[in-house]
Structure formats: C-alpha cells, structure tokens
Protein backbone atom coordinates (compact mmCIF):
# COMPACT_ATOMS: atom_id res chain seq x y z
CA MET A 1 -11.53 12.91 -55.51
CA SER A 2 -12.91 16.17 -56.70
CA GLY A 3 -10.78 18.23 -59.07
CA ARG A 4 -12.70 19.90 -61.76
CA SER A 5 -12.72 23.10 -63.85
CA ALA A 6 -15.95 24.87 -63.16
CA CYS A 7 -17.15 27.31 -65.74
CA THR A 8 -19.89 29.85 -65.02
CA SER A 9 -21.22 32.40 -67.44
CA THR A 10 -22.33 35.93 -66.48
CA ARG A 11 -23.95 38.53 -68.68
CA ASN A 12 -22.10 41.74 -68.84
CA ASP A 13 -22.92 44.29 -71.65
CA GLY A 14 -24.05 41.60 -73.81
CA ASP A 15 -20.82 39.47 -73.42
CA ASP A 16 -20.52 36.11 -72.00
CA LYS A 17 -17.64 35.82 -69.65
CA CYS A 18 -16.51 32.44 -68.37
CA GLN A 19 -14.71 32.16 -65.06
CA HIS A 20 -12.63 29.01 -64.65
CA THR A 21 -11.85 27.73 -61.16
CA ILE A 22 -10.57 24.50 -59.91
CA ALA A 23 -12.63 23.02 -57.08
CA ILE A 24 -10.29 20.70 -55.14
CA ASN A 25 -11.89 18.62 -52.34
CA LEU A 26 -9.37 16.28 -51.11
CA GLY A 27 -11.71 15.37 -48.25
CA THR A 28 -13.33 13.08 -50.79
CA VAL A 29 -10.07 11.11 -51.74
CA ARG A 30 -10.51 7.60 -50.59
CA ARG A 31 -7.26 5.53 -50.19
CA PRO A 32 -7.08 2.43 -52.44
CA ALA A 33 -8.25 -0.76 -50.60
CA GLY A 34 -5.49 -2.38 -48.48
CA ARG A 35 -3.51 0.76 -47.98
CA HIS A 36 -2.76 1.47 -44.38
CA ALA A 37 -4.56 -1.28 -42.41
CA GLY A 38 -7.13 -0.10 -40.10
CA SER A 39 -7.68 3.22 -41.89
CA ARG A 40 -10.71 2.10 -43.96
CA GLY A 41 -12.90 4.97 -44.84
CA ALA A 42 -10.23 7.57 -43.70
CA VAL A 43 -9.86 10.63 -45.97
CA ALA A 44 -7.17 13.08 -46.82
CA HIS A 45 -7.98 16.73 -46.35
CA TYR A 46 -6.25 19.98 -47.20
CA ASP A 47 -7.26 23.34 -45.96
CA PHE A 48 -6.63 25.60 -48.96
CA GLY A 49 -8.13 28.68 -47.32
CA ARG A 50 -4.71 29.45 -45.66
CA PHE A 51 -2.79 29.31 -48.93
CA GLU A 52 -4.58 31.86 -51.11
CA PRO A 53 -1.46 32.61 -53.43
CA PHE A 54 -1.06 28.83 -53.97
CA THR A 55 -4.78 28.13 -54.89
CA LYS A 56 -4.61 31.07 -57.23
CA LYS A 57 -1.88 29.26 -59.13
CA LEU A 58 -3.93 26.08 -59.39
CA ASN A 59 -6.98 28.14 -60.55
CA GLN A 60 -4.69 29.63 -63.28
CA ALA A 61 -3.53 26.19 -64.24
CA ALA A 62 -7.17 25.02 -64.50
CA ALA A 63 -8.20 28.24 -66.49
CA SER A 64 -5.53 27.68 -69.02
CA GLY A 65 -6.43 24.01 -69.39
CA HIS A 66 -3.27 22.58 -67.94
CA LEU A 67 -4.88 21.06 -65.01
CA LYS A 68 -7.98 19.09 -65.48
CA GLY A 69 -8.18 16.77 -62.57
CA PHE A 70 -6.64 14.68 -59.84
CA GLU A 71 -6.46 10.87 -59.28
CA PRO A 72 -5.29 8.87 -56.31
CA GLY A 73 -2.30 6.64 -56.87
CA VAL A 74 -2.52 2.93 -56.64
CA GLY A 75 -1.70 1.66 -53.28
CA GLY A 76 1.74 0.27 -53.15
CA SER A 77 3.09 1.65 -56.37
CA GLU A 78 2.17 5.30 -56.31
CA PRO A 79 4.93 7.91 -56.64
CA LEU A 80 6.07 9.48 -53.40
CA THR A 81 5.31 13.00 -54.40
CA GLY A 82 2.84 12.46 -57.18
CA SER A 83 3.07 12.93 -60.88
CA TYR A 84 1.68 15.08 -63.79
CA ASP A 85 0.54 14.08 -67.22
CA LYS A 86 0.81 16.95 -69.62
CA ALA A 87 -1.45 15.47 -72.30
CA SER A 88 -4.39 14.64 -70.06
CA GLY A 89 -3.84 17.41 -67.48
CA ILE A 90 -4.24 14.94 -64.63
CA VAL A 91 -2.18 14.99 -61.51
CA THR A 92 -1.77 11.68 -59.69
CA LEU A 93 -1.43 12.08 -55.90
CA PRO A 94 -0.03 9.48 -53.53
CA ALA A 95 -1.87 7.93 -50.76
CA PHE A 96 -1.16 9.08 -47.35
CA GLU A 97 -1.45 8.20 -43.84
CA PRO A 98 -4.91 8.01 -42.16
CA GLY A 99 -6.64 11.00 -40.58
CA SER A 100 -8.33 14.26 -41.60
CA ALA A 101 -5.55 16.64 -40.58
CA PRO A 102 -3.62 18.30 -43.24
CA THR A 103 -0.13 16.73 -43.65
CA THR A 104 3.23 18.18 -44.82
CA ASN A 105 3.48 15.27 -47.25
CA LEU A 106 0.20 16.32 -48.91
CA ARG A 107 1.12 19.95 -48.96
CA GLY A 108 4.40 19.18 -50.38
CA SER A 109 3.01 16.91 -53.00
CA LEU A 110 0.39 19.51 -54.15
CA ARG A 111 3.04 22.25 -54.27
CA LEU A 112 5.39 20.02 -56.28
CA GLN A 113 2.79 19.14 -58.69
CA GLU A 114 1.75 22.82 -59.28
CA MET A 115 5.49 23.56 -59.88
CA SER A 116 5.58 20.63 -62.27
CA ILE A 117 2.48 21.88 -64.19
CA ARG A 118 4.15 25.28 -64.94
CA PHE A 119 7.47 23.54 -65.76
CA ALA A 120 5.74 21.29 -68.15
CA ASN A 121 4.01 24.05 -70.02
CA SER A 122 7.09 26.36 -70.19
CA SER A 123 9.78 26.82 -73.04
CA TYR A 124 13.51 27.48 -73.19
CA VAL A 125 16.08 28.58 -75.77
CA ASP A 126 18.29 25.78 -76.99
CA ALA A 127 22.01 25.85 -78.11
CA ASN A 128 20.92 26.94 -81.53
CA GLN A 129 18.98 29.88 -80.01
CA GLN A 130 15.75 28.24 -81.05
CA ARG A 131 12.72 28.25 -78.66
CA GLN A 132 11.70 24.83 -77.54
CA HIS A 133 8.89 23.56 -75.36
CA VAL A 134 9.26 21.48 -72.39
CA THR A 135 8.35 17.82 -73.34
CA GLN A 136 6.62 15.03 -71.28
CA ASP A 137 9.73 13.12 -71.10
CA MET A 138 11.35 16.10 -69.28
CA VAL A 139 8.59 16.16 -66.76
CA THR A 140 8.48 12.47 -66.24
CA ASN A 141 12.30 12.20 -65.86
CA LEU A 142 12.36 15.07 -63.35
CA GLN A 143 9.52 13.65 -61.30
CA SER A 144 10.65 9.94 -61.38
CA THR A 145 14.09 11.18 -60.12
CA ILE A 146 12.52 12.87 -57.22
CA ASN A 147 10.33 9.70 -56.51
CA SER A 148 13.28 7.36 -56.81
CA SER A 149 14.82 8.61 -53.56
CA PRO A 150 12.77 8.86 -50.42
CA THR A 151 15.42 10.93 -48.87
CA LEU A 152 15.24 13.38 -51.90
CA ALA A 153 11.49 13.41 -51.86
CA LYS A 154 11.34 14.28 -48.24
CA GLU A 155 13.88 17.00 -48.48
CA ILE A 156 12.18 18.60 -51.61
CA ASN A 157 8.81 18.36 -49.82
CA ARG A 158 10.36 20.17 -47.03
CA ALA A 159 11.74 22.90 -49.06
CA VAL A 160 8.58 23.53 -50.92
CA THR A 161 6.50 23.76 -47.67
CA THR A 162 8.97 25.79 -45.52
CA ALA A 163 8.53 29.56 -45.55
CA ILE A 164 11.35 32.05 -45.73
CA ASP A 165 9.68 33.90 -42.86
CA SER A 166 7.19 31.77 -40.91
CA ARG A 167 5.73 34.89 -39.33
CA ASP A 168 4.53 36.27 -42.70
CA PRO A 169 1.62 34.35 -44.19
CA LYS A 170 2.51 35.83 -47.57
CA SER A 171 6.21 34.71 -47.45
CA PRO A 172 7.48 32.67 -50.27
CA MET A 173 8.62 29.09 -49.71
CA LEU A 174 12.34 28.16 -49.90
CA LEU A 175 11.72 26.55 -53.22
CA GLU A 176 8.94 27.61 -55.48
CA ASN A 177 9.86 27.01 -59.16
CA PHE A 178 11.37 24.51 -61.52
CA ALA A 179 12.74 25.83 -64.84
CA PRO A 180 14.74 24.64 -67.93
CA LEU A 181 18.31 25.79 -67.69
CA SER A 182 19.52 27.48 -70.82
CA GLY A 183 22.88 28.66 -71.86
CA THR A 184 25.21 26.90 -69.23
CA VAL A 185 27.06 23.71 -68.80
CA ALA A 186 26.16 23.41 -65.06
CA GLY A 187 24.33 20.31 -63.88
CA GLY A 188 21.68 22.41 -62.18
CA THR A 189 21.39 25.70 -60.38
CA PHE A 190 19.42 27.33 -57.58
CA ASN A 191 18.50 31.03 -57.70
CA PRO A 192 17.51 32.38 -54.18
CA ALA A 193 16.17 35.52 -55.68
CA THR A 194 13.40 33.67 -57.68
CA LYS A 195 13.34 30.56 -55.59
CA THR A 196 14.00 28.70 -58.73
CA MET A 197 15.71 25.30 -59.28
CA SER A 198 16.77 25.09 -62.95
CA ILE A 199 17.70 21.74 -64.88
CA PRO A 200 19.35 21.26 -68.18
CA PRO A 201 16.90 20.18 -70.98
CA GLY A 202 19.59 18.03 -72.45
CA THR A 203 19.71 15.97 -69.25
CA VAL A 204 15.92 15.55 -68.66
CA GLY A 205 15.03 15.69 -72.23
CA GLN A 206 16.29 12.00 -73.02
CA THR A 207 13.97 9.12 -73.61
CA GLN A 208 13.08 7.51 -70.31
CA SER A 209 15.11 4.35 -71.08
CA ARG A 210 18.16 6.32 -71.87
CA PHE A 211 17.76 8.75 -69.05
CA ASN A 212 17.42 6.11 -66.53
CA LYS A 213 20.49 4.26 -67.86
CA PHE A 214 22.89 7.26 -68.06
CA TYR A 215 21.49 10.31 -66.33
CA ALA A 216 19.24 9.52 -63.49
CA ASN A 217 21.93 8.95 -60.93
CA ASP A 218 23.71 12.20 -61.70
CA LEU A 219 20.45 14.26 -61.53
CA THR A 220 19.48 12.63 -58.26
CA PHE A 221 22.66 13.99 -56.81
CA VAL A 222 22.14 17.44 -58.48
CA LEU A 223 18.64 17.74 -57.13
CA GLY A 224 19.74 16.82 -53.65
CA HIS A 225 22.56 19.29 -53.90
CA GLU A 226 20.53 22.32 -55.14
CA THR A 227 17.69 21.48 -52.61
CA GLN A 228 20.26 22.07 -49.83
CA HIS A 229 21.20 25.42 -51.52
CA ALA A 230 17.56 26.34 -51.03
CA PHE A 231 17.79 25.55 -47.29
CA ASN A 232 21.15 27.55 -47.04
CA GLN A 233 19.82 30.70 -48.77
CA THR A 234 18.92 32.40 -45.52
CA SER A 235 22.27 31.92 -43.94
CA MET A 236 24.11 32.92 -47.17
CA THR A 237 22.00 36.07 -47.55
CA SER A 238 23.05 37.03 -43.98
CA SER A 239 26.72 36.29 -44.86
CA TYR A 240 26.63 38.54 -47.76
CA ARG A 241 24.97 41.31 -45.74
CA GLN A 242 27.60 40.92 -43.13
CA PHE A 243 30.31 41.12 -45.85
CA ASP A 244 28.88 44.22 -47.43
CA ALA A 245 28.56 45.83 -44.07
CA ALA A 246 32.16 45.02 -43.10
CA VAL A 247 33.78 46.11 -46.37
CA THR A 248 31.75 49.26 -46.34
CA ALA A 249 33.02 50.12 -42.87
CA ILE A 250 36.58 49.43 -43.78
CA ALA A 251 36.29 51.58 -46.93
CA LYS A 252 34.92 54.55 -45.01
CA ASP A 253 37.42 54.42 -42.01
CA ASN A 254 40.26 56.77 -41.66
CA ASP A 255 42.99 54.03 -42.06
CA PRO A 256 44.92 54.70 -45.20
CA VAL A 257 45.35 50.96 -45.72
CA ASN A 258 42.14 49.14 -46.35
CA ASP A 259 42.50 45.35 -45.22
CA TYR A 260 39.55 43.31 -46.49
CA THR A 261 41.13 40.08 -45.46
CA LEU A 262 38.82 39.15 -42.55
CA PRO A 263 35.47 39.83 -44.18
CA ILE A 264 36.65 38.06 -47.40
CA GLU A 265 37.84 35.09 -45.28
CA ASN A 266 34.58 34.94 -43.39
CA LEU A 267 32.62 35.01 -46.73
CA ILE A 268 34.65 32.27 -48.30
CA LYS A 269 34.19 30.11 -45.07
CA SER A 270 30.37 30.53 -45.48
CA ALA A 271 30.40 29.78 -49.08
CA ARG A 272 32.51 26.66 -48.53
CA GLU A 273 30.17 25.50 -45.71
CA ASP A 274 27.16 26.14 -48.10
CA GLU A 275 28.77 24.00 -50.95
CA ALA A 276 29.98 21.22 -48.47
CA LYS A 277 26.40 20.83 -47.04
CA ALA A 278 24.99 20.74 -50.50
CA GLN A 279 27.51 18.02 -51.54
CA ILE A 280 26.50 15.98 -48.58
CA SER A 281 22.89 16.33 -49.34
CA GLY A 282 23.43 15.21 -52.93
CA TRP A 283 25.32 12.19 -51.69
CA ASN A 284 22.55 11.20 -49.28
CA ALA A 285 19.86 11.45 -51.92
CA LEU A 286 21.87 9.33 -54.37
CA VAL A 287 22.82 6.72 -51.76
CA ASP A 288 19.07 6.39 -50.93
CA ARG A 289 18.21 6.08 -54.53
CA VAL A 290 20.69 3.22 -54.96
CA ARG A 291 19.48 1.63 -51.72
CA GLN A 292 15.96 1.04 -53.15
CA THR A 293 17.29 -1.61 -55.53
CA ASN A 294 20.36 -2.59 -53.25
CA PRO A 295 19.45 -2.47 -49.71
CA ALA A 296 23.12 -3.62 -48.82
CA VAL A 297 24.69 -0.72 -50.67
CA ASP A 298 28.15 0.04 -49.61
CA LEU A 299 31.11 2.12 -50.93
CA ASN A 300 31.98 -0.40 -53.44
CA ALA A 301 28.51 -0.18 -54.91
CA MET A 302 28.56 3.45 -55.04
CA SER A 303 31.87 3.59 -56.76
CA ARG A 304 30.34 1.61 -59.65
CA ILE A 305 27.22 3.48 -60.28
CA GLY A 306 28.46 5.47 -63.23
CA THR A 307 28.55 9.12 -62.11
CA SER A 308 31.72 11.16 -61.18
CA ARG A 309 29.61 12.81 -58.39
CA VAL A 310 30.72 10.07 -55.99
CA GLU A 311 34.38 10.81 -56.48
CA ASP A 312 34.21 13.51 -53.75
CA PHE A 313 33.14 10.65 -51.24
CA VAL A 314 34.81 7.44 -52.60
CA GLU A 315 38.41 6.95 -53.75
CA VAL A 316 39.04 4.06 -56.04
CA ASN A 317 42.55 2.70 -56.57
CA PRO A 318 42.80 2.01 -60.46
CA ALA A 319 45.10 -0.97 -59.76
CA ASN A 320 42.52 -2.44 -57.46
CA PRO A 321 39.13 -1.12 -57.81
CA ASP A 322 37.57 -3.20 -55.05
CA PRO A 323 37.31 -2.18 -52.32
CA GLY A 324 36.28 1.43 -52.72
CA THR A 325 37.83 3.60 -49.93
CA ALA A 326 36.06 6.40 -48.15
CA ARG A 327 37.79 9.67 -48.46
CA ASP A 328 38.95 11.20 -45.23
CA HIS A 329 35.93 13.24 -44.61
CA VAL A 330 33.38 10.22 -45.21
CA GLN A 331 32.30 7.84 -42.76
CA PRO A 332 31.28 4.47 -44.53
C-alpha cells in the first residue's frame, strides 16, 4: 500500500517552501494471504479524483503530521471500518471483496478514518472549564464500538458516503464529523447543521478494559441512535419548513383567532417518528453487538446486558426476571 507524505522544495525569493501531500494508491493494497478464496492478486482501488474536498482533508492531515501512512489489516481479525493510531499516524484499513472497482465499504472506511484523525487531534473543555486533548483511549473506544457491531458499522458507513443532495458533487455527506461533547449530560448528539456526531469524553475517555465492561453497550446504542438522526435530517428539515410556512400563514391571515394546533401536531408527529426510528436503530445496533459473542441472543440476554437503553424494548418483572417480555411495540 502506498500512503506517504511527499515533500517537495521550490525556491521563491530565497525561501524554501515545502508542500506536503498524501499520495494514496490503494491499487497497490494486496489482501492478506488466504483472504477471500479465489481472489489472489486482486487489489482494492479507490478513485479519489471524484472527491476533491475529501482528498484535501487527507492532504491536510498529512501536512500536519497526523497521517503518515496506511496498513492493510490482518485477514480474519481486521476491524470492519479500519482504525487509527494517533502516536504513529497510521490508518489500518480492512481487507475488502475482490475486484478493482471502488466499493462503498472502502469509501466509508476512508471517510470514517479521516473523521477519526480529526477527532483524535482535537480538544474539548472539561467540567472544570479546562481545555483537554482527545486521547488515544477515546479514539480506540469509539472505533472499537463501531467495529463491534456489523449493523452499526454498515449504517455509519452508509451515512458517511450518502450525500445530502446526490445531484450536487459538492454536497456534504449525511455525517461528516466526530467531536467531543462538552457541557451536557446527553449520551450523544447529532447536529444536522454541521453534520457532526458528538460523544461525551467521560464515556469514551475510560481505560479500554473499563470502557468495555461498563460503557461499550450503551455507546453502541447511542451511535446507532444518532446515526439514524443523520438519515432523518432531510425529512426533519422539510417538517420544520412546513411548520414555519404554516404558522406564518396563520399569523398573517385575517382570522382574529390564530389556531396553530394542526401545524404543531404535525411537527410533533414528525419529531416522534424521528425519535422512534432512532431508538429502533440503536436497538438493532446493540442486538448485533451482543450477537457477535452470543449468536442465540434473545430478550432474556438483552435484559441482562447492563444498560437501561433496553428498557424501551424489554420489560422485566422484578419478581421474576426471567423471562424478559417484549414491550407491546417489539417483536421478539
């Protein structure tokens, strides 16, 4: 794999100026031996020419020294969406299906890793109003959570490769940024204006062993939930526009009584649907995480995983914890 920072010096009024670029040639990425039988010699390829704003971000990461190269994952154990090591500046990419055509998986992994690089090298204000830097534990815990649930990995990949407007080559993706979440008790947020998913440093900032024991399940649900909000942003934007137009029309009419009941009712309905879909996506992501270590996962198993997130889906009788009972809106 080629992934290097190339520095060239040009003379201009007696000054040396060094221009850093990242040369990424995924056409030279060979899959580990034994990966995908029958694909020997096949290579992964990505056409960066169609994604100039994205390649510019990678070049900026290389110029800053935050991105120093790429490595292929070890077949059979590589992360689903890749990983980033802050100290070395190395991005590890997973092995992919055979063939030379660009794949959504590869595009998604590269975009997620570029987002992770920026997240890893950002800072936030803590509860004591002190500025802190994002740590490697925060990056590792975030990425391991995504990689622990195939459903979550697939949905986040889809969010970072789906444009708001497919007809506009410069359109932003549904999800473009990760950020530390300061000054709130929320488990996570999604900001449609900036296409940013924010995560509490107190959650991802734990040691990896403590995070996996106490926080990973909860964050899996949160990431699935917030990713669905990214998908819902277009319909919610439309709902708010319809609400604004409706209340403006009512305010300007000649009726002395302004009844805003219907537009408010419609907006609440849209918001409830948005939240319900997000809850379902969080549940699906979490179930799939648990399924990786317990293929026979059922409602009983889900009720015992140690996060209150499941209580919207599973009702437990304190007098008889087993079996867990699906709430009315859930099909086991």
